[in-house]
Amino acid sequence: MHIDLLTLEELRTRPATSDEQSHLGACGECRSELDGLRDLAREIRATVQAIDVPLRVDRAILRRPRWASWIPFAAACAAIVLLALRPSSPRDPDDLDRNGRVDVVDAYLMARQGGDANRLLKSIVVVGLTVLPHQDGEARFSAIDLLVNADAPLAAWQIDIATTAKIVGIEGGDGLFAEPPTYDPAALNGGRIALAGMTLAEKPPSGRVRVARIHLRETGATVYTPKLVAAGGLGGVKVSATVEIGGTK
């Protein structure tokens, strides 16, 4: 659980407790939020002009009864002002397109900027180990093709696929996507895998594009459930697309 925003705002002006220090030491997201609040406070101080309040007004305000009861309200207002003024930025610095999640489009943008896109690709395809129930019957091997049907040039794609069969191998697709996509080898032999691929070519393909082939070990009836997680075009723009399964063989 992360430290809430109001507590982080308090930590901007007071020492952290031992528990808070321990959490900040282990949680990069909360450290980033706290640094952001400190940066914002410095920016506000640099832009706000001081107002000269006459001494008689200052004394009159301090003499008002129950003035201390306004402190919690004032603190809440200050927090709201900070929230309103804070620049819109995601928690995760890898969310380059600022859509609230990290996917293959962010890896594509990172590659165009010369960053470590391979690291990012590997991080987004981890789905955990899927344990399939035991099935009796004679095993057979087959392959299915994954196709993305895009209404614009397709530069980056990410697909999750779940199946009742064991996934035993991954191949690439056609043309610019002929190389095998990025995936987590630990997901092989399970029933769910995430795949991601991209190209930095200036003229990526559009229309119905075969992006990968999945090899399966089937026992009994098999169900395939693909989901298109993300599709991006040139420059990282969002592309309207659907995913299809080609004929098994």
C-alpha atoms as a PDB file:
ATOM      1  CA  MET A   1       0.000   0.000   0.000  1.00  0.00           C
ATOM      2  CA  HIS A   2       1.329   3.433  -0.946  1.00  0.00           C
ATOM      3  CA  ILE A   3       1.488   6.515   1.299  1.00  0.00           C
ATOM      4  CA  ASP A   4      -1.540   8.695   0.616  1.00  0.00           C
ATOM      5  CA  LEU A   5      -1.117  12.105  -1.001  1.00  0.00           C
ATOM      6  CA  LEU A   6      -1.989  14.184   2.088  1.00  0.00           C
ATOM      7  CA  THR A   7       0.612  12.325   4.175  1.00  0.00           C
ATOM      8  CA  LEU A   8       3.180  12.848   1.418  1.00  0.00           C
ATOM      9  CA  GLU A   9       2.376  16.567   1.513  1.00  0.00           C
ATOM     10  CA  GLU A  10       3.005  16.516   5.293  1.00  0.00           C
ATOM     11  CA  LEU A  11       6.334  14.757   4.715  1.00  0.00           C
ATOM     12  CA  ARG A  12       7.319  17.638   2.480  1.00  0.00           C
ATOM     13  CA  THR A  13       7.524  19.848   5.580  1.00  0.00           C
ATOM     14  CA  ARG A  14       8.168  17.449   8.471  1.00  0.00           C
ATOM     15  CA  PRO A  15      10.604  14.595   9.228  1.00  0.00           C
ATOM     16  CA  ALA A  16       9.376  11.115   8.315  1.00  0.00           C
ATOM     17  CA  THR A  17       8.747   8.493  10.972  1.00  0.00           C
ATOM     18  CA  SER A  18      10.814   5.309  10.948  1.00  0.00           C
ATOM     19  CA  ASP A  19       7.988   3.399   9.241  1.00  0.00           C
ATOM     20  CA  GLU A  20       7.583   6.145   6.650  1.00  0.00           C
ATOM     21  CA  GLN A  21      11.337   6.237   6.012  1.00  0.00           C
ATOM     22  CA  SER A  22      11.356   2.464   5.557  1.00  0.00           C
ATOM     23  CA  HIS A  23       8.492   2.629   3.053  1.00  0.00           C
ATOM     24  CA  LEU A  24      10.048   5.497   1.101  1.00  0.00           C
ATOM     25  CA  GLY A  25      13.321   3.606   0.952  1.00  0.00           C
ATOM     26  CA  ALA A  26      11.604   0.624  -0.660  1.00  0.00           C
ATOM     27  CA  CYS A  27       8.939   2.336  -2.797  1.00  0.00           C
ATOM     28  CA  GLY A  28      10.144   4.287  -5.805  1.00  0.00           C
ATOM     29  CA  GLU A  29       6.628   5.448  -6.690  1.00  0.00           C
ATOM     30  CA  CYS A  30       6.102   7.190  -3.343  1.00  0.00           C
ATOM     31  CA  ARG A  31       9.580   8.747  -3.492  1.00  0.00           C
ATOM     32  CA  SER A  32       8.749  10.055  -6.941  1.00  0.00           C
ATOM     33  CA  GLU A  33       5.443  11.506  -5.692  1.00  0.00           C
ATOM     34  CA  LEU A  34       7.187  13.205  -2.765  1.00  0.00           C
ATOM     35  CA  ASP A  35       9.874  14.645  -5.029  1.00  0.00           C
ATOM     36  CA  GLY A  36       7.125  15.923  -7.318  1.00  0.00           C
ATOM     37  CA  LEU A  37       5.385  17.702  -4.429  1.00  0.00           C
ATOM     38  CA  ARG A  38       8.667  19.309  -3.378  1.00  0.00           C
ATOM     39  CA  ASP A  39       9.364  20.453  -6.936  1.00  0.00           C
ATOM     40  CA  LEU A  40       5.844  21.863  -7.236  1.00  0.00           C
ATOM     41  CA  ALA A  41       6.161  23.744  -3.958  1.00  0.00           C
ATOM     42  CA  ARG A  42       9.392  25.327  -5.160  1.00  0.00           C
ATOM     43  CA  GLU A  43       7.743  26.361  -8.430  1.00  0.00           C
ATOM     44  CA  ILE A  44       4.790  27.903  -6.589  1.00  0.00           C
ATOM     45  CA  ARG A  45       7.065  29.832  -4.227  1.00  0.00           C
ATOM     46  CA  ALA A  46       9.037  31.141  -7.186  1.00  0.00           C
ATOM     47  CA  THR A  47       5.937  32.451  -8.959  1.00  0.00           C
ATOM     48  CA  VAL A  48       3.783  33.746  -6.102  1.00  0.00           C
ATOM     49  CA  GLN A  49       4.295  37.394  -5.201  1.00  0.00           C
ATOM     50  CA  ALA A  50       4.355  38.340  -1.545  1.00  0.00           C
ATOM     51  CA  ILE A  51       1.413  40.399  -0.278  1.00  0.00           C
ATOM     52  CA  ASP A  52       2.082  43.065   2.316  1.00  0.00           C
ATOM     53  CA  VAL A  53      -0.652  42.672   4.964  1.00  0.00           C
ATOM     54  CA  PRO A  54      -1.013  45.746   7.196  1.00  0.00           C
ATOM     55  CA  LEU A  55      -0.130  45.052  10.824  1.00  0.00           C
ATOM     56  CA  ARG A  56      -3.591  46.123  12.112  1.00  0.00           C
ATOM     57  CA  VAL A  57      -5.278  43.601   9.779  1.00  0.00           C
ATOM     58  CA  ASP A  58      -2.933  40.858  10.855  1.00  0.00           C
ATOM     59  CA  ARG A  59      -3.655  41.547  14.567  1.00  0.00           C
ATOM     60  CA  ALA A  60      -7.400  41.748  13.993  1.00  0.00           C
ATOM     61  CA  ILE A  61      -7.398  38.321  12.349  1.00  0.00           C
ATOM     62  CA  LEU A  62      -5.389  36.760  15.158  1.00  0.00           C
ATOM     63  CA  ARG A  63      -7.794  38.195  17.778  1.00  0.00           C
ATOM     64  CA  ARG A  64     -10.833  36.530  16.177  1.00  0.00           C
ATOM     65  CA  PRO A  65     -12.238  33.757  18.387  1.00  0.00           C
ATOM     66  CA  ARG A  66     -12.072  30.099  17.249  1.00  0.00           C
ATOM     67  CA  TRP A  67      -9.627  30.996  14.484  1.00  0.00           C
ATOM     68  CA  ALA A  68      -7.724  27.770  15.186  1.00  0.00           C
ATOM     69  CA  SER A  69     -10.744  25.734  14.069  1.00  0.00           C
ATOM     70  CA  TRP A  70     -10.015  26.819  10.494  1.00  0.00           C
ATOM     71  CA  ILE A  71      -6.614  25.097  10.410  1.00  0.00           C
ATOM     72  CA  PRO A  72      -7.843  21.671   9.215  1.00  0.00           C
ATOM     73  CA  PHE A  73     -10.024  23.363   6.586  1.00  0.00           C
ATOM     74  CA  ALA A  74      -7.124  25.507   5.418  1.00  0.00           C
ATOM     75  CA  ALA A  75      -4.854  22.464   5.212  1.00  0.00           C
ATOM     76  CA  ALA A  76      -7.442  20.639   3.123  1.00  0.00           C
ATOM     77  CA  CYS A  77      -7.761  23.647   0.819  1.00  0.00           C
ATOM     78  CA  ALA A  78      -3.996  23.776   0.430  1.00  0.00           C
ATOM     79  CA  ALA A  79      -3.951  20.102  -0.553  1.00  0.00           C
ATOM     80  CA  ILE A  80      -6.704  20.701  -3.112  1.00  0.00           C
ATOM     81  CA  VAL A  81      -4.761  23.626  -4.585  1.00  0.00           C
ATOM     82  CA  LEU A  82      -1.686  21.437  -4.878  1.00  0.00           C
ATOM     83  CA  LEU A  83      -3.700  18.745  -6.626  1.00  0.00           C
ATOM     84  CA  ALA A  84      -5.170  21.275  -9.024  1.00  0.00           C
ATOM     85  CA  LEU A  85      -1.830  22.853  -9.862  1.00  0.00           C
ATOM     86  CA  ARG A  86       0.219  19.725 -10.079  1.00  0.00           C
ATOM     87  CA  PRO A  87       1.293  18.944 -13.654  1.00  0.00           C
ATOM     88  CA  SER A  88      -0.431  15.899 -15.089  1.00  0.00           C
ATOM     89  CA  SER A  89       2.117  13.096 -15.006  1.00  0.00           C
ATOM     90  CA  PRO A  90       1.813   9.321 -14.584  1.00  0.00           C
ATOM     91  CA  ARG A  91       3.389   7.498 -11.666  1.00  0.00           C
ATOM     92  CA  ASP A  92       5.445   5.287 -13.958  1.00  0.00           C
ATOM     93  CA  PRO A  93       8.181   7.129 -15.876  1.00  0.00           C
ATOM     94  CA  ASP A  94       7.967   4.450 -18.590  1.00  0.00           C
ATOM     95  CA  ASP A  95       4.422   5.568 -19.478  1.00  0.00           C
ATOM     96  CA  LEU A  96       5.677   7.793 -22.270  1.00  0.00           C
ATOM     97  CA  ASP A  97       2.326   8.310 -24.002  1.00  0.00           C
ATOM     98  CA  ARG A  98       0.689   9.133 -20.629  1.00  0.00           C
ATOM     99  CA  ASN A  99      -2.337   6.903 -21.089  1.00  0.00           C
ATOM    100  CA  GLY A 100      -2.115   5.430 -17.592  1.00  0.00           C
ATOM    101  CA  ARG A 101      -0.425   2.148 -18.514  1.00  0.00           C
ATOM    102  CA  VAL A 102       2.868   0.855 -19.883  1.00  0.00           C
ATOM    103  CA  ASP A 103       2.551  -1.148 -23.085  1.00  0.00           C
ATOM    104  CA  VAL A 104       4.246  -1.798 -26.417  1.00  0.00           C
ATOM    105  CA  VAL A 105       3.509   1.731 -27.673  1.00  0.00           C
ATOM    106  CA  ASP A 106       5.678   3.102 -24.845  1.00  0.00           C
ATOM    107  CA  ALA A 107       8.440   0.660 -25.848  1.00  0.00           C
ATOM    108  CA  TYR A 108       8.118   1.859 -29.447  1.00  0.00           C
ATOM    109  CA  LEU A 109       8.401   5.503 -28.362  1.00  0.00           C
ATOM    110  CA  MET A 110      11.386   4.631 -26.175  1.00  0.00           C
ATOM    111  CA  ALA A 111      13.105   2.920 -29.122  1.00  0.00           C
ATOM    112  CA  ARG A 112      12.545   5.993 -31.301  1.00  0.00           C
ATOM    113  CA  GLN A 113      14.192   8.087 -28.580  1.00  0.00           C
ATOM    114  CA  GLY A 114      17.170   5.733 -28.363  1.00  0.00           C
ATOM    115  CA  GLY A 115      16.221   4.242 -24.974  1.00  0.00           C
ATOM    116  CA  ASP A 116      16.323   0.646 -23.745  1.00  0.00           C
ATOM    117  CA  ALA A 117      13.151  -0.576 -25.428  1.00  0.00           C
ATOM    118  CA  ASN A 118      14.165  -4.223 -25.005  1.00  0.00           C
ATOM    119  CA  ARG A 119      14.025  -3.872 -21.219  1.00  0.00           C
ATOM    120  CA  LEU A 120      10.576  -2.357 -21.445  1.00  0.00           C
ATOM    121  CA  LEU A 121       9.340  -5.022 -23.857  1.00  0.00           C
ATOM    122  CA  LYS A 122      10.472  -7.788 -21.508  1.00  0.00           C
ATOM    123  CA  SER A 123       8.714  -6.154 -18.565  1.00  0.00           C
ATOM    124  CA  ILE A 124       5.303  -5.899 -20.262  1.00  0.00           C
ATOM    125  CA  VAL A 125       5.050  -9.534 -21.383  1.00  0.00           C
ATOM    126  CA  VAL A 126       5.342 -11.103 -17.925  1.00  0.00           C
ATOM    127  CA  VAL A 127       1.976 -12.688 -17.059  1.00  0.00           C
ATOM    128  CA  GLY A 128       2.920 -15.261 -14.436  1.00  0.00           C
ATOM    129  CA  LEU A 129       2.716 -19.036 -14.542  1.00  0.00           C
ATOM    130  CA  THR A 130      -0.564 -20.609 -15.667  1.00  0.00           C
ATOM    131  CA  VAL A 131      -1.208 -24.147 -14.429  1.00  0.00           C
ATOM    132  CA  LEU A 132      -3.499 -26.081 -16.744  1.00  0.00           C
ATOM    133  CA  PRO A 133      -5.815 -28.801 -15.461  1.00  0.00           C
ATOM    134  CA  HIS A 134      -4.885 -32.334 -16.422  1.00  0.00           C
ATOM    135  CA  GLN A 135      -6.630 -33.628 -19.524  1.00  0.00           C
ATOM    136  CA  ASP A 136      -6.845 -37.241 -20.578  1.00  0.00           C
ATOM    137  CA  GLY A 137      -6.575 -38.242 -24.192  1.00  0.00           C
ATOM    138  CA  GLU A 138      -4.079 -38.472 -27.003  1.00  0.00           C
ATOM    139  CA  ALA A 139      -1.842 -35.444 -27.396  1.00  0.00           C
ATOM    140  CA  ARG A 140      -1.481 -33.731 -30.767  1.00  0.00           C
ATOM    141  CA  PHE A 141       0.527 -30.753 -31.951  1.00  0.00           C
ATOM    142  CA  SER A 142      -0.859 -27.837 -33.940  1.00  0.00           C
ATOM    143  CA  ALA A 143      -0.138 -24.193 -34.775  1.00  0.00           C
ATOM    144  CA  ILE A 144      -2.294 -21.087 -34.987  1.00  0.00           C
ATOM    145  CA  ASP A 145      -1.553 -17.745 -36.594  1.00  0.00           C
ATOM    146  CA  LEU A 146      -2.233 -14.415 -34.895  1.00  0.00           C
ATOM    147  CA  LEU A 147      -3.279 -11.639 -37.265  1.00  0.00           C
ATOM    148  CA  VAL A 148      -3.811  -7.953 -36.515  1.00  0.00           C
ATOM    149  CA  ASN A 149      -6.228  -6.152 -38.799  1.00  0.00           C
ATOM    150  CA  ALA A 150      -5.274  -2.453 -38.609  1.00  0.00           C
ATOM    151  CA  ASP A 151      -6.887   0.500 -40.372  1.00  0.00           C
ATOM    152  CA  ALA A 152      -3.532   2.335 -40.538  1.00  0.00           C
ATOM    153  CA  PRO A 153       0.174   1.409 -40.730  1.00  0.00           C
ATOM    154  CA  LEU A 154       0.948  -0.891 -37.773  1.00  0.00           C
ATOM    155  CA  ALA A 155       4.241  -0.110 -36.013  1.00  0.00           C
ATOM    156  CA  ALA A 156       3.655  -1.778 -32.640  1.00  0.00           C
ATOM    157  CA  TRP A 157       1.296  -4.419 -31.258  1.00  0.00           C
ATOM    158  CA  GLN A 158       0.695  -6.342 -28.045  1.00  0.00           C
ATOM    159  CA  ILE A 159      -1.544  -9.409 -27.664  1.00  0.00           C
ATOM    160  CA  ASP A 160      -2.515 -11.601 -24.718  1.00  0.00           C
ATOM    161  CA  ILE A 161      -3.781 -15.065 -25.587  1.00  0.00           C
ATOM    162  CA  ALA A 162      -5.288 -17.668 -23.272  1.00  0.00           C
ATOM    163  CA  THR A 163      -5.848 -21.270 -24.329  1.00  0.00           C
ATOM    164  CA  THR A 164      -6.684 -24.632 -22.831  1.00  0.00           C
ATOM    165  CA  ALA A 165      -3.686 -26.114 -24.692  1.00  0.00           C
ATOM    166  CA  LYS A 166      -0.029 -25.957 -23.704  1.00  0.00           C
ATOM    167  CA  ILE A 167       1.996 -23.324 -25.571  1.00  0.00           C
ATOM    168  CA  VAL A 168       5.247 -24.965 -26.659  1.00  0.00           C
ATOM    169  CA  GLY A 169       6.739 -22.515 -29.154  1.00  0.00           C
ATOM    170  CA  ILE A 170       6.509 -19.049 -30.718  1.00  0.00           C
ATOM    171  CA  GLU A 171       7.462 -17.967 -34.234  1.00  0.00           C
ATOM    172  CA  GLY A 172       7.331 -14.624 -35.999  1.00  0.00           C
ATOM    173  CA  GLY A 173       4.851 -13.517 -38.645  1.00  0.00           C
ATOM    174  CA  ASP A 174       5.280 -11.962 -42.062  1.00  0.00           C
ATOM    175  CA  GLY A 175       7.382  -9.156 -43.512  1.00  0.00           C
ATOM    176  CA  LEU A 176       8.606  -6.653 -40.941  1.00  0.00           C
ATOM    177  CA  PHE A 177       7.249  -8.880 -38.161  1.00  0.00           C
ATOM    178  CA  ALA A 178       9.067 -12.025 -39.329  1.00  0.00           C
ATOM    179  CA  GLU A 179      11.277 -12.094 -36.226  1.00  0.00           C
ATOM    180  CA  PRO A 180       9.737 -13.837 -33.180  1.00  0.00           C
ATOM    181  CA  PRO A 181       7.906 -11.380 -30.917  1.00  0.00           C
ATOM    182  CA  THR A 182       9.003 -10.662 -27.374  1.00  0.00           C
ATOM    183  CA  TYR A 183       7.499 -13.025 -24.790  1.00  0.00           C
ATOM    184  CA  ASP A 184       8.286 -14.501 -21.392  1.00  0.00           C
ATOM    185  CA  PRO A 185       9.818 -17.991 -21.837  1.00  0.00           C
ATOM    186  CA  ALA A 186       8.453 -18.921 -18.406  1.00  0.00           C
ATOM    187  CA  ALA A 187       4.942 -18.740 -19.891  1.00  0.00           C
ATOM    188  CA  LEU A 188       5.671 -21.646 -22.246  1.00  0.00           C
ATOM    189  CA  ASN A 189       3.968 -24.893 -21.208  1.00  0.00           C
ATOM    190  CA  GLY A 190       1.219 -22.776 -19.661  1.00  0.00           C
ATOM    191  CA  GLY A 191      -2.097 -21.670 -21.039  1.00  0.00           C
ATOM    192  CA  ARG A 192      -1.570 -17.925 -21.223  1.00  0.00           C
ATOM    193  CA  ILE A 193       1.097 -15.815 -22.865  1.00  0.00           C
ATOM    194  CA  ALA A 194       1.663 -12.163 -23.740  1.00  0.00           C
ATOM    195  CA  LEU A 195       3.358 -11.219 -27.003  1.00  0.00           C
ATOM    196  CA  ALA A 196       4.675  -7.859 -28.183  1.00  0.00           C
ATOM    197  CA  GLY A 197       6.319  -6.729 -31.385  1.00  0.00           C
ATOM    198  CA  MET A 198       7.275  -3.499 -33.127  1.00  0.00           C
ATOM    199  CA  THR A 199       9.132  -2.097 -36.098  1.00  0.00           C
ATOM    200  CA  LEU A 200      10.927   1.204 -36.578  1.00  0.00           C
ATOM    201  CA  ALA A 201      10.541   1.004 -40.368  1.00  0.00           C
ATOM    202  CA  GLU A 202       9.257   4.129 -42.073  1.00  0.00           C
ATOM    203  CA  LYS A 203       6.561   2.189 -43.955  1.00  0.00           C
ATOM    204  CA  PRO A 204       5.033  -0.438 -41.662  1.00  0.00           C
ATOM    205  CA  PRO A 205       2.280  -2.691 -43.013  1.00  0.00           C
ATOM    206  CA  SER A 206      -1.438  -2.075 -42.677  1.00  0.00           C
ATOM    207  CA  GLY A 207      -4.556  -4.133 -43.213  1.00  0.00           C
ATOM    208  CA  ARG A 208      -4.512  -7.810 -42.196  1.00  0.00           C
ATOM    209  CA  VAL A 209      -1.005  -8.533 -40.883  1.00  0.00           C
ATOM    210  CA  ARG A 210       0.207 -11.913 -39.603  1.00  0.00           C
ATOM    211  CA  VAL A 211       2.319 -11.014 -36.590  1.00  0.00           C
ATOM    212  CA  ALA A 212       3.055 -14.386 -34.929  1.00  0.00           C
ATOM    213  CA  ARG A 213       2.526 -18.150 -35.005  1.00  0.00           C
ATOM    214  CA  ILE A 214       1.941 -20.130 -31.812  1.00  0.00           C
ATOM    215  CA  HIS A 215       2.716 -23.855 -31.543  1.00  0.00           C
ATOM    216  CA  LEU A 216       0.495 -25.851 -29.203  1.00  0.00           C
ATOM    217  CA  ARG A 217       0.236 -29.259 -27.575  1.00  0.00           C
ATOM    218  CA  GLU A 218      -3.451 -30.108 -27.461  1.00  0.00           C
ATOM    219  CA  THR A 219      -5.375 -32.764 -25.589  1.00  0.00           C
ATOM    220  CA  GLY A 220      -9.082 -32.856 -26.250  1.00  0.00           C
ATOM    221  CA  ALA A 221     -11.059 -29.793 -27.304  1.00  0.00           C
ATOM    222  CA  THR A 222      -9.083 -26.539 -27.370  1.00  0.00           C
ATOM    223  CA  VAL A 223     -10.285 -22.977 -26.785  1.00  0.00           C
ATOM    224  CA  TYR A 224      -8.312 -19.890 -27.871  1.00  0.00           C
ATOM    225  CA  THR A 225      -9.042 -16.433 -26.461  1.00  0.00           C
ATOM    226  CA  PRO A 226      -6.866 -13.650 -27.915  1.00  0.00           C
ATOM    227  CA  LYS A 227      -6.995 -10.043 -26.697  1.00  0.00           C
ATOM    228  CA  LEU A 228      -5.406  -7.073 -28.443  1.00  0.00           C
ATOM    229  CA  VAL A 229      -3.883  -5.027 -25.604  1.00  0.00           C
ATOM    230  CA  ALA A 230      -2.396  -2.210 -27.686  1.00  0.00           C
ATOM    231  CA  ALA A 231      -1.736  -1.184 -31.273  1.00  0.00           C
ATOM    232  CA  GLY A 232       0.310   1.832 -32.334  1.00  0.00           C
ATOM    233  CA  GLY A 233       1.121   3.515 -35.604  1.00  0.00           C
ATOM    234  CA  LEU A 234       3.905   5.778 -36.828  1.00  0.00           C
ATOM    235  CA  GLY A 235       4.979   8.201 -34.134  1.00  0.00           C
ATOM    236  CA  GLY A 236       3.133   6.233 -31.451  1.00  0.00           C
ATOM    237  CA  VAL A 237      -0.389   7.275 -32.444  1.00  0.00           C
ATOM    238  CA  LYS A 238      -3.207   4.964 -31.425  1.00  0.00           C
ATOM    239  CA  VAL A 239      -4.357   2.648 -34.205  1.00  0.00           C
ATOM    240  CA  SER A 240      -7.810   1.116 -34.464  1.00  0.00           C
ATOM    241  CA  ALA A 241      -7.277  -2.615 -34.870  1.00  0.00           C
ATOM    242  CA  THR A 242      -8.635  -6.079 -34.121  1.00  0.00           C
ATOM    243  CA  VAL A 243      -6.958  -9.443 -33.561  1.00  0.00           C
ATOM    244  CA  GLU A 244      -7.868 -12.630 -35.423  1.00  0.00           C
ATOM    245  CA  ILE A 245      -6.825 -16.265 -35.235  1.00  0.00           C
ATOM    246  CA  GLY A 246      -5.755 -17.958 -38.439  1.00  0.00           C
ATOM    247  CA  GLY A 247      -6.628 -21.537 -39.269  1.00  0.00           C
ATOM    248  CA  THR A 248      -5.097 -24.246 -37.087  1.00  0.00           C
ATOM    249  CA  LYS A 249      -2.981 -26.929 -38.689  1.00  0.00           C
END
